Amino acid sequence: MTSQSFAGLLGTIIAIVALAAAVYYGPIGQFGKPPKPAPVAQPAEPAPAAPAPRGPVVREVPN
């Protein structure tokens, strides 16, 4: 087996693998697959009540 025929054989194998991957991952391969399930929406919970804003603390300081 010469190096040219070996390179041709190896190139053919690589081309077949590349075409098979393109068909599997491309739009042609998607027709036989079941559709992906839609994500289930969780009911929105109300946001917790925010605490009342606090102002500055005023303390009585003896003179």
N, C-alpha and C. Protein backbone atom coordinates (compact mmCIF):
# COMPACT_ATOMS: atom_id res chain seq x y z
N MET A 1 0.85 -1.17 0.00
CA MET A 1 0.00 0.00 0.00
C MET A 1 0.90 1.23 0.00
N THR A 2 0.72 2.05 -1.00
CA THR A 2 1.56 3.25 -1.11
C THR A 2 1.02 4.34 -0.21
N SER A 3 1.85 5.34 0.01
CA SER A 3 1.44 6.43 0.89
C SER A 3 0.29 7.23 0.28
N GLN A 4 0.22 7.30 -1.04
CA GLN A 4 -0.88 8.04 -1.68
C GLN A 4 -2.21 7.32 -1.49
N SER A 5 -2.22 6.02 -1.62
CA SER A 5 -3.48 5.30 -1.43
C SER A 5 -3.89 5.31 0.05
N PHE A 6 -2.90 5.27 0.94
CA PHE A 6 -3.22 5.34 2.37
C PHE A 6 -3.80 6.71 2.72
N ALA A 7 -3.23 7.77 2.16
CA ALA A 7 -3.75 9.12 2.40
C ALA A 7 -5.16 9.27 1.83
N GLY A 8 -5.40 8.67 0.67
CA GLY A 8 -6.75 8.72 0.10
C GLY A 8 -7.76 7.99 0.95
N LEU A 9 -7.37 6.84 1.48
CA LEU A 9 -8.25 6.07 2.35
C LEU A 9 -8.53 6.82 3.65
N LEU A 10 -7.48 7.41 4.21
CA LEU A 10 -7.66 8.16 5.46
C LEU A 10 -8.53 9.41 5.22
N GLY A 11 -8.33 10.07 4.10
CA GLY A 11 -9.16 11.23 3.76
C GLY A 11 -10.62 10.86 3.56
N THR A 12 -10.86 9.71 2.97
CA THR A 12 -12.23 9.24 2.78
C THR A 12 -12.90 8.95 4.11
N ILE A 13 -12.18 8.33 5.01
CA ILE A 13 -12.74 8.03 6.34
C ILE A 13 -13.06 9.32 7.08
N ILE A 14 -12.16 10.28 7.03
CA ILE A 14 -12.40 11.56 7.72
C ILE A 14 -13.59 12.29 7.10
N ALA A 15 -13.72 12.24 5.78
CA ALA A 15 -14.85 12.89 5.11
C ALA A 15 -16.17 12.24 5.49
N ILE A 16 -16.18 10.91 5.61
CA ILE A 16 -17.41 10.21 6.00
C ILE A 16 -17.80 10.58 7.42
N VAL A 17 -16.83 10.66 8.32
CA VAL A 17 -17.12 11.03 9.72
C VAL A 17 -17.63 12.47 9.78
N ALA A 18 -17.03 13.38 9.02
CA ALA A 18 -17.46 14.77 9.03
C ALA A 18 -18.88 14.92 8.48
N LEU A 19 -19.19 14.20 7.41
CA LEU A 19 -20.54 14.27 6.86
C LEU A 19 -21.58 13.66 7.80
N ALA A 20 -21.21 12.57 8.47
CA ALA A 20 -22.13 11.96 9.43
C ALA A 20 -22.41 12.90 10.59
N ALA A 21 -21.39 13.60 11.06
CA ALA A 21 -21.58 14.56 12.16
C ALA A 21 -22.44 15.73 11.69
N ALA A 22 -22.25 16.18 10.45
CA ALA A 22 -23.06 17.28 9.93
C ALA A 22 -24.53 16.89 9.80
N VAL A 23 -24.79 15.66 9.38
CA VAL A 23 -26.17 15.20 9.26
C VAL A 23 -26.79 15.01 10.64
N TYR A 24 -26.00 14.49 11.58
CA TYR A 24 -26.54 14.24 12.93
C TYR A 24 -26.85 15.54 13.66
N TYR A 25 -25.95 16.51 13.61
CA TYR A 25 -26.15 17.76 14.33
C TYR A 25 -26.88 18.81 13.52
N GLY A 26 -27.01 18.62 12.24
CA GLY A 26 -27.67 19.61 11.39
C GLY A 26 -29.16 19.44 11.38
N PRO A 27 -29.85 20.21 10.54
CA PRO A 27 -31.31 20.17 10.51
C PRO A 27 -31.86 18.84 9.98
N ILE A 28 -31.09 18.11 9.19
CA ILE A 28 -31.60 16.85 8.66
C ILE A 28 -31.77 15.83 9.78
N GLY A 29 -30.85 15.83 10.73
CA GLY A 29 -30.91 14.86 11.82
C GLY A 29 -31.94 15.19 12.88
N GLN A 30 -32.50 16.39 12.86
CA GLN A 30 -33.44 16.80 13.90
C GLN A 30 -34.85 16.29 13.65
N PHE A 31 -35.16 15.85 12.41
CA PHE A 31 -36.52 15.46 12.10
C PHE A 31 -36.96 14.20 12.85
N GLY A 32 -36.05 13.29 13.08
CA GLY A 32 -36.41 12.05 13.75
C GLY A 32 -36.36 12.12 15.26
N LYS A 33 -35.96 13.24 15.81
CA LYS A 33 -35.81 13.36 17.26
C LYS A 33 -37.08 13.95 17.87
N PRO A 34 -37.41 13.54 19.08
CA PRO A 34 -38.59 14.14 19.73
C PRO A 34 -38.29 15.58 20.12
N PRO A 35 -39.30 16.43 20.17
CA PRO A 35 -39.07 17.83 20.56
C PRO A 35 -38.67 17.91 22.03
N LYS A 36 -37.87 18.90 22.32
CA LYS A 36 -37.42 19.10 23.70
C LYS A 36 -38.60 19.62 24.53
N PRO A 37 -38.76 19.13 25.76
CA PRO A 37 -39.88 19.60 26.58
C PRO A 37 -39.70 21.07 26.97
N ALA A 38 -40.81 21.77 26.98
CA ALA A 38 -40.78 23.18 27.36
C ALA A 38 -40.56 23.29 28.87
N PRO A 39 -39.80 24.27 29.32
CA PRO A 39 -39.59 24.43 30.76
C PRO A 39 -40.89 24.81 31.45
N VAL A 40 -41.11 24.24 32.62
CA VAL A 40 -42.32 24.52 33.38
C VAL A 40 -42.14 25.84 34.10
N ALA A 41 -43.09 26.75 33.89
CA ALA A 41 -43.00 28.07 34.53
C ALA A 41 -43.41 27.96 35.99
N GLN A 42 -42.59 28.49 36.86
CA GLN A 42 -42.90 28.52 38.28
C GLN A 42 -43.80 29.72 38.58
N PRO A 43 -44.78 29.54 39.48
CA PRO A 43 -45.62 30.70 39.82
C PRO A 43 -44.79 31.77 40.53
N ALA A 44 -45.03 32.99 40.13
CA ALA A 44 -44.26 34.10 40.71
C ALA A 44 -44.74 34.36 42.14
N GLU A 45 -43.80 34.39 43.07
CA GLU A 45 -44.14 34.69 44.46
C GLU A 45 -43.99 36.19 44.66
N PRO A 46 -44.84 36.77 45.51
CA PRO A 46 -44.69 38.21 45.76
C PRO A 46 -43.37 38.48 46.49
N ALA A 47 -42.79 39.63 46.18
CA ALA A 47 -41.53 39.99 46.80
C ALA A 47 -41.76 40.27 48.29
N PRO A 48 -40.82 39.91 49.14
CA PRO A 48 -41.00 40.18 50.57
C PRO A 48 -41.02 41.68 50.82
N ALA A 49 -41.79 42.07 51.82
CA ALA A 49 -41.92 43.49 52.14
C ALA A 49 -40.58 44.02 52.63
N ALA A 50 -40.19 45.16 52.09
CA ALA A 50 -38.92 45.76 52.49
C ALA A 50 -39.09 46.42 53.86
N PRO A 51 -38.08 46.38 54.69
CA PRO A 51 -38.19 47.04 56.00
C PRO A 51 -38.29 48.55 55.83
N ALA A 52 -38.90 49.21 56.80
CA ALA A 52 -39.07 50.65 56.74
C ALA A 52 -37.70 51.32 56.75
N PRO A 53 -37.53 52.38 55.97
CA PRO A 53 -36.22 53.05 55.98
C PRO A 53 -35.94 53.65 57.35
N ARG A 54 -34.71 53.50 57.77
CA ARG A 54 -34.33 54.01 59.08
C ARG A 54 -33.57 55.31 58.92
N GLY A 55 -33.90 56.25 59.76
CA GLY A 55 -33.23 57.55 59.72
C GLY A 55 -32.06 57.56 60.69
N PRO A 56 -31.46 58.72 60.87
CA PRO A 56 -30.33 58.81 61.81
C PRO A 56 -30.82 58.63 63.25
N VAL A 57 -29.97 58.03 64.05
CA VAL A 57 -30.31 57.80 65.46
C VAL A 57 -29.91 59.04 66.24
N VAL A 58 -30.89 59.65 66.95
CA VAL A 58 -30.63 60.85 67.75
C VAL A 58 -30.64 60.44 69.21
N ARG A 59 -29.52 60.67 69.90
CA ARG A 59 -29.42 60.33 71.31
C ARG A 59 -29.21 61.62 72.10
N GLU A 60 -29.76 61.63 73.29
CA GLU A 60 -29.55 62.79 74.14
C GLU A 60 -28.20 62.64 74.83
N VAL A 61 -27.40 63.66 74.67
CA VAL A 61 -26.06 63.64 75.26
C VAL A 61 -26.04 64.66 76.40
N PRO A 62 -25.62 64.25 77.60
CA PRO A 62 -25.56 65.24 78.70
C PRO A 62 -24.46 66.28 78.45
N ASN A 63 -24.75 67.53 78.85
CA ASN A 63 -23.76 68.61 78.67
C ASN A 63 -22.76 68.62 79.77
